[in-house]
C-alpha atoms as a PDB file:
ATOM      1  CA  LEU A   1       7.035  11.773  -3.137  1.00  0.00           C
ATOM      2  CA  LEU A   2       8.684  11.249  -6.508  1.00  0.00           C
ATOM      3  CA  ARG A   3      10.006  14.817  -6.528  1.00  0.00           C
ATOM      4  CA  ASN A   4      11.599  14.336  -3.232  1.00  0.00           C
ATOM      5  CA  GLU A   5      13.208  11.108  -4.300  1.00  0.00           C
ATOM      6  CA  PHE A   6      14.526  12.682  -7.534  1.00  0.00           C
ATOM      7  CA  GLU A   7      15.949  15.463  -5.594  1.00  0.00           C
ATOM      8  CA  ARG A   8      17.549  12.997  -3.263  1.00  0.00           C
ATOM      9  CA  MET A   9      19.210  11.134  -6.197  1.00  0.00           C
ATOM     10  CA  GLN A  10      20.522  14.386  -7.714  1.00  0.00           C
ATOM     11  CA  GLN A  11      22.121  15.216  -4.368  1.00  0.00           C
ATOM     12  CA  ARG A  12      23.558  11.764  -4.352  1.00  0.00           C
ATOM     13  CA  LEU A  13      22.301  11.207  -0.839  1.00  0.00           C
ATOM     14  CA  PRO A  14      21.863   7.596   0.375  1.00  0.00           C
ATOM     15  CA  MET A  15      18.382   6.121   0.620  1.00  0.00           C
ATOM     16  CA  ASP A  16      16.618   6.358   4.022  1.00  0.00           C
ATOM     17  CA  THR A  17      16.840   3.115   5.985  1.00  0.00           C
ATOM     18  CA  LEU A  18      13.726   1.133   6.197  1.00  0.00           C
ATOM     19  CA  SER A  19      11.904   1.677   9.411  1.00  0.00           C
ATOM     20  CA  MET A  20      11.507  -1.553  11.330  1.00  0.00           C
ATOM     21  CA  LYS A  21       9.666   0.076  14.081  1.00  0.00           C
ATOM     22  CA  ARG A  22       6.416  -1.641  13.339  1.00  0.00           C
ATOM     23  CA  TYR A  23       8.047  -5.048  13.695  1.00  0.00           C
ATOM     24  CA  GLU A  24       9.605  -4.381  17.086  1.00  0.00           C
ATOM     25  CA  LEU A  25       7.987  -5.636  20.246  1.00  0.00           C
ATOM     26  CA  PRO A  26       8.956  -3.087  22.806  1.00  0.00           C
ATOM     27  CA  PRO A  27       8.625  -4.004  26.523  1.00  0.00           C
ATOM     28  CA  PRO A  28       6.640  -1.696  28.744  1.00  0.00           C
ATOM     29  CA  PRO A  29       8.330   1.606  29.660  1.00  0.00           C
ATOM     30  CA  ALA A  30      10.992   1.435  32.386  1.00  0.00           C
ATOM     31  CA  GLY A  31       8.617   3.037  34.961  1.00  0.00           C
ATOM     32  CA  LYS A  32       5.811   0.516  34.271  1.00  0.00           C
ATOM     33  CA  MET A  33       7.821  -2.781  34.280  1.00  0.00           C
ATOM     34  CA  THR A  34       5.817  -4.127  37.169  1.00  0.00           C
ATOM     35  CA  ASP A  35       2.480  -2.851  35.807  1.00  0.00           C
ATOM     36  CA  ILE A  36       0.247  -5.731  34.556  1.00  0.00           C
ATOM     37  CA  ALA A  37      -1.853  -3.512  32.337  1.00  0.00           C
ATOM     38  CA  ALA A  38       1.274  -2.295  30.564  1.00  0.00           C
ATOM     39  CA  TRP A  39       2.445  -5.847  30.073  1.00  0.00           C
ATOM     40  CA  ASN A  40      -1.129  -6.745  28.844  1.00  0.00           C
ATOM     41  CA  GLU A  41      -0.925  -4.013  26.342  1.00  0.00           C
ATOM     42  CA  CYS A  42       2.551  -5.282  25.121  1.00  0.00           C
ATOM     43  CA  VAL A  43       1.150  -8.778  24.813  1.00  0.00           C
ATOM     44  CA  GLU A  44      -1.906  -7.499  22.909  1.00  0.00           C
ATOM     45  CA  ASN A  45       0.403  -5.563  20.460  1.00  0.00           C
ATOM     46  CA  SER A  46       2.505  -8.624  19.902  1.00  0.00           C
ATOM     47  CA  MET A  47      -0.637 -10.793  19.268  1.00  0.00           C
ATOM     48  CA  ALA A  48      -1.852  -8.173  16.783  1.00  0.00           C
ATOM     49  CA  GLN A  49       1.463  -8.211  15.058  1.00  0.00           C
ATOM     50  CA  LEU A  50       1.472 -12.044  14.963  1.00  0.00           C
ATOM     51  CA  GLU A  51      -1.972 -12.094  13.495  1.00  0.00           C
ATOM     52  CA  HIS A  52      -0.926  -9.614  10.955  1.00  0.00           C
ATOM     53  CA  GLN A  53       2.102 -11.715   9.952  1.00  0.00           C
ATOM     54  CA  ALA A  54      -0.212 -14.893   9.926  1.00  0.00           C
ATOM     55  CA  THR A  55      -2.668 -12.943   7.527  1.00  0.00           C
ATOM     56  CA  ARG A  56       0.310 -11.975   5.312  1.00  0.00           C
ATOM     57  CA  ILE A  57       1.525 -15.585   5.291  1.00  0.00           C
ATOM     58  CA  CYS A  58      -1.958 -16.830   4.275  1.00  0.00           C
ATOM     59  CA  ASN A  59      -2.214 -14.315   1.561  1.00  0.00           C
ATOM     60  CA  LEU A  60       1.210 -15.323   0.106  1.00  0.00           C
ATOM     61  CA  GLU A  61       0.191 -18.973   0.304  1.00  0.00           C
ATOM     62  CA  LEU A  62      -3.051 -18.184  -1.470  1.00  0.00           C
ATOM     63  CA  MET A  63      -1.247 -16.290  -4.167  1.00  0.00           C
ATOM     64  CA  LEU A  64       1.264 -19.223  -4.436  1.00  0.00           C
ATOM     65  CA  GLU A  65      -1.640 -21.610  -4.981  1.00  0.00           C
ATOM     66  CA  TYR A  66      -4.066 -19.533  -7.216  1.00  0.00           C
ATOM     67  CA  GLY A  67      -1.890 -16.596  -8.441  1.00  0.00           C
ATOM     68  CA  CYS A  68      -0.560 -18.298 -11.619  1.00  0.00           C
ATOM     69  CA  GLU A  69      -4.011 -19.530 -12.529  1.00  0.00           C
ATOM     70  CA  ALA A  70      -5.633 -16.180 -11.879  1.00  0.00           C
ATOM     71  CA  TRP A  71      -3.034 -14.491 -14.084  1.00  0.00           C
ATOM     72  CA  ARG A  72      -3.525 -17.060 -16.743  1.00  0.00           C
ATOM     73  CA  SER A  73      -7.215 -16.487 -16.882  1.00  0.00           C
ATOM     74  CA  TYR A  74      -6.756 -12.704 -16.848  1.00  0.00           C
ATOM     75  CA  LEU A  75      -4.255 -13.053 -19.848  1.00  0.00           C
ATOM     76  CA  GLU A  76      -6.848 -15.346 -21.674  1.00  0.00           C
ATOM     77  CA  LEU A  77      -9.530 -12.705 -21.146  1.00  0.00           C
ATOM     78  CA  LEU A  78      -7.116 -10.092 -22.384  1.00  0.00           C
ATOM     79  CA  VAL A  79      -6.504 -12.283 -25.534  1.00  0.00           C
ATOM     80  CA  LYS A  80     -10.137 -12.625 -26.112  1.00  0.00           C
ATOM     81  CA  CYS A  81     -10.681  -8.833 -25.841  1.00  0.00           C
ATOM     82  CA  VAL A  82      -7.795  -8.164 -28.194  1.00  0.00           C
ATOM     83  CA  SER A  83      -9.070 -10.696 -30.597  1.00  0.00           C
ATOM     84  CA  SER A  84     -12.720  -9.224 -30.425  1.00  0.00           C
ATOM     85  CA  ALA A  85     -11.292  -5.763 -30.914  1.00  0.00           C
ATOM     86  CA  GLN A  86      -9.291  -6.863 -34.066  1.00  0.00           C
ATOM     87  CA  LYS A  87     -12.466  -8.581 -35.461  1.00  0.00           C
ATOM     88  CA  GLN A  88     -14.468  -5.372 -34.828  1.00  0.00           C
ATOM     89  CA  LEU A  89     -11.576  -3.409 -36.477  1.00  0.00           C
ATOM     90  CA  GLN A  90     -11.570  -5.674 -39.449  1.00  0.00           C
ATOM     91  CA  GLY A  91     -15.347  -5.265 -39.873  1.00  0.00           C
ATOM     92  CA  LEU A  92     -15.163  -1.526 -39.672  1.00  0.00           C
ATOM     93  CA  ARG A  93     -12.264  -1.440 -42.173  1.00  0.00           C
ATOM     94  CA  LYS A  94     -14.520  -3.593 -44.466  1.00  0.00           C
ATOM     95  CA  GLU A  95     -17.413  -1.230 -44.120  1.00  0.00           C
ATOM     96  CA  ILE A  96     -15.112   1.749 -44.819  1.00  0.00           C
ATOM     97  CA  GLN A  97     -13.830   0.045 -47.847  1.00  0.00           C
ATOM     98  CA  GLU A  98     -17.285  -0.822 -49.148  1.00  0.00           C
ATOM     99  CA  MET A  99     -18.518   2.826 -48.519  1.00  0.00           C
ATOM    100  CA  ASN A 100     -15.414   4.161 -50.312  1.00  0.00           C
ATOM    101  CA  TRP A 101     -16.201   1.878 -53.239  1.00  0.00           C
ATOM    102  CA  GLN A 102     -19.853   2.982 -53.359  1.00  0.00           C
ATOM    103  CA  ARG A 103     -18.749   6.668 -53.112  1.00  0.00           C
ATOM    104  CA  LYS A 104     -16.280   6.164 -55.969  1.00  0.00           C
ATOM    105  CA  ASN A 105     -18.880   4.388 -57.907  1.00  0.00           C
ATOM    106  CA  MET A 106     -21.371   7.258 -57.407  1.00  0.00           C
ATOM    107  CA  GLN A 107     -18.774   9.830 -58.415  1.00  0.00           C
ATOM    108  CA  MET A 108     -17.866   7.841 -61.558  1.00  0.00           C
ATOM    109  CA  GLN A 109     -21.593   7.734 -62.463  1.00  0.00           C
ATOM    110  CA  GLY A 110     -21.953  11.377 -61.690  1.00  0.00           C
ATOM    111  CA  GLY A 111     -18.897  12.139 -63.954  1.00  0.00           C
ATOM    112  CA  GLU A 112     -20.462  10.260 -66.847  1.00  0.00           C
ATOM    113  CA  LYS A 113     -23.734  12.012 -66.317  1.00  0.00           C
ATOM    114  CA  LEU A 114     -21.907  15.437 -66.205  1.00  0.00           C
ATOM    115  CA  LYS A 115     -20.088  14.551 -69.531  1.00  0.00           C
ATOM    116  CA  LYS A 116     -23.350  13.732 -71.182  1.00  0.00           C
ATOM    117  CA  LEU A 117     -24.973  16.837 -69.854  1.00  0.00           C
ATOM    118  CA  GLU A 118     -22.034  18.890 -70.944  1.00  0.00           C
ATOM    119  CA  SER A 119     -22.118  17.276 -74.412  1.00  0.00           C
ATOM    120  CA  MET A 120     -25.894  18.118 -74.611  1.00  0.00           C
ATOM    121  CA  TRP A 121     -25.299  21.664 -73.636  1.00  0.00           C
ATOM    122  CA  VAL A 122     -22.615  22.081 -76.295  1.00  0.00           C
ATOM    123  CA  GLY A 123     -24.988  20.687 -78.828  1.00  0.00           C
ATOM    124  CA  LEU A 124     -27.746  22.979 -77.688  1.00  0.00           C
ATOM    125  CA  VAL A 125     -25.541  26.024 -77.629  1.00  0.00           C
ATOM    126  CA  SER A 126     -24.254  25.083 -81.192  1.00  0.00           C
ATOM    127  CA  LYS A 127     -27.937  24.799 -82.474  1.00  0.00           C
ATOM    128  CA  ASN A 128     -28.914  28.060 -80.830  1.00  0.00           C
ATOM    129  CA  TYR A 129     -25.829  29.598 -82.671  1.00  0.00           C
ATOM    130  CA  GLU A 130     -26.955  28.156 -85.913  1.00  0.00           C
ATOM    131  CA  ILE A 131     -30.528  29.349 -85.374  1.00  0.00           C
ATOM    132  CA  GLU A 132     -29.265  32.780 -84.446  1.00  0.00           C
ATOM    133  CA  GLN A 133     -27.143  32.875 -87.635  1.00  0.00           C
ATOM    134  CA  ALA A 134     -30.130  31.694 -89.725  1.00  0.00           C
ATOM    135  CA  CYS A 135     -32.255  34.356 -88.102  1.00  0.00           C
ATOM    136  CA  VAL A 136     -29.662  37.104 -88.946  1.00  0.00           C
ATOM    137  CA  GLN A 137     -29.452  35.744 -92.505  1.00  0.00           C
ATOM    138  CA  LEU A 138     -33.273  35.799 -92.844  1.00  0.00           C
ATOM    139  CA  GLU A 139     -33.401  39.375 -91.428  1.00  0.00           C
ATOM    140  CA  LYS A 140     -30.751  40.354 -93.865  1.00  0.00           C
ATOM    141  CA  GLU A 141     -32.680  38.699 -96.789  1.00  0.00           C
ATOM    142  CA  ILE A 142     -35.850  40.378 -95.646  1.00  0.00           C
ATOM    143  CA  ALA A 143     -34.055  43.748 -95.405  1.00  0.00           C
ATOM    144  CA  GLU A 144     -32.692  43.263 -98.923  1.00  0.00           C
ATOM    145  CA  SER A 145     -36.120  42.121-100.240  1.00  0.00           C
ATOM    146  CA  ASN A 146     -37.709  45.275 -98.652  1.00  0.00           C
ATOM    147  CA  ALA A 147     -34.927  47.467-100.163  1.00  0.00           C
ATOM    148  CA  LYS A 148     -35.618  46.146-103.688  1.00  0.00           C
ATOM    149  CA  LYS A 149     -39.343  46.946-103.450  1.00  0.00           C
END
């Protein structure tokens, strides 16, 4: 439907005129002008159209009477939904911020622990080196002492 309308606009063709066929009250066909059944059918058609128009008028009157208030309550409901969603968003952001703070705090504590462990490791490696040097020195002294004997 939209594609057809766009094509019509591109070709710069005029809009189709609105069909008023449904609002017409045609008389019976020329050959049945004296037929009571044909006239009854026409009268029933006109009554159905009249009833349809009455229903439309009733709907319009109801819309005039209650439409504004219905829209107002719908908009109030939307405002409440938006407010609730914003509160939920604030809560989630607060939780995220708290979680990020806890994560950062844990990482800082982990960093401090890693520094302490690294310092201990350096100390132990240094002591190992000193012990190895002492062992080498002792072995050297033992070898010299054995060589003198």
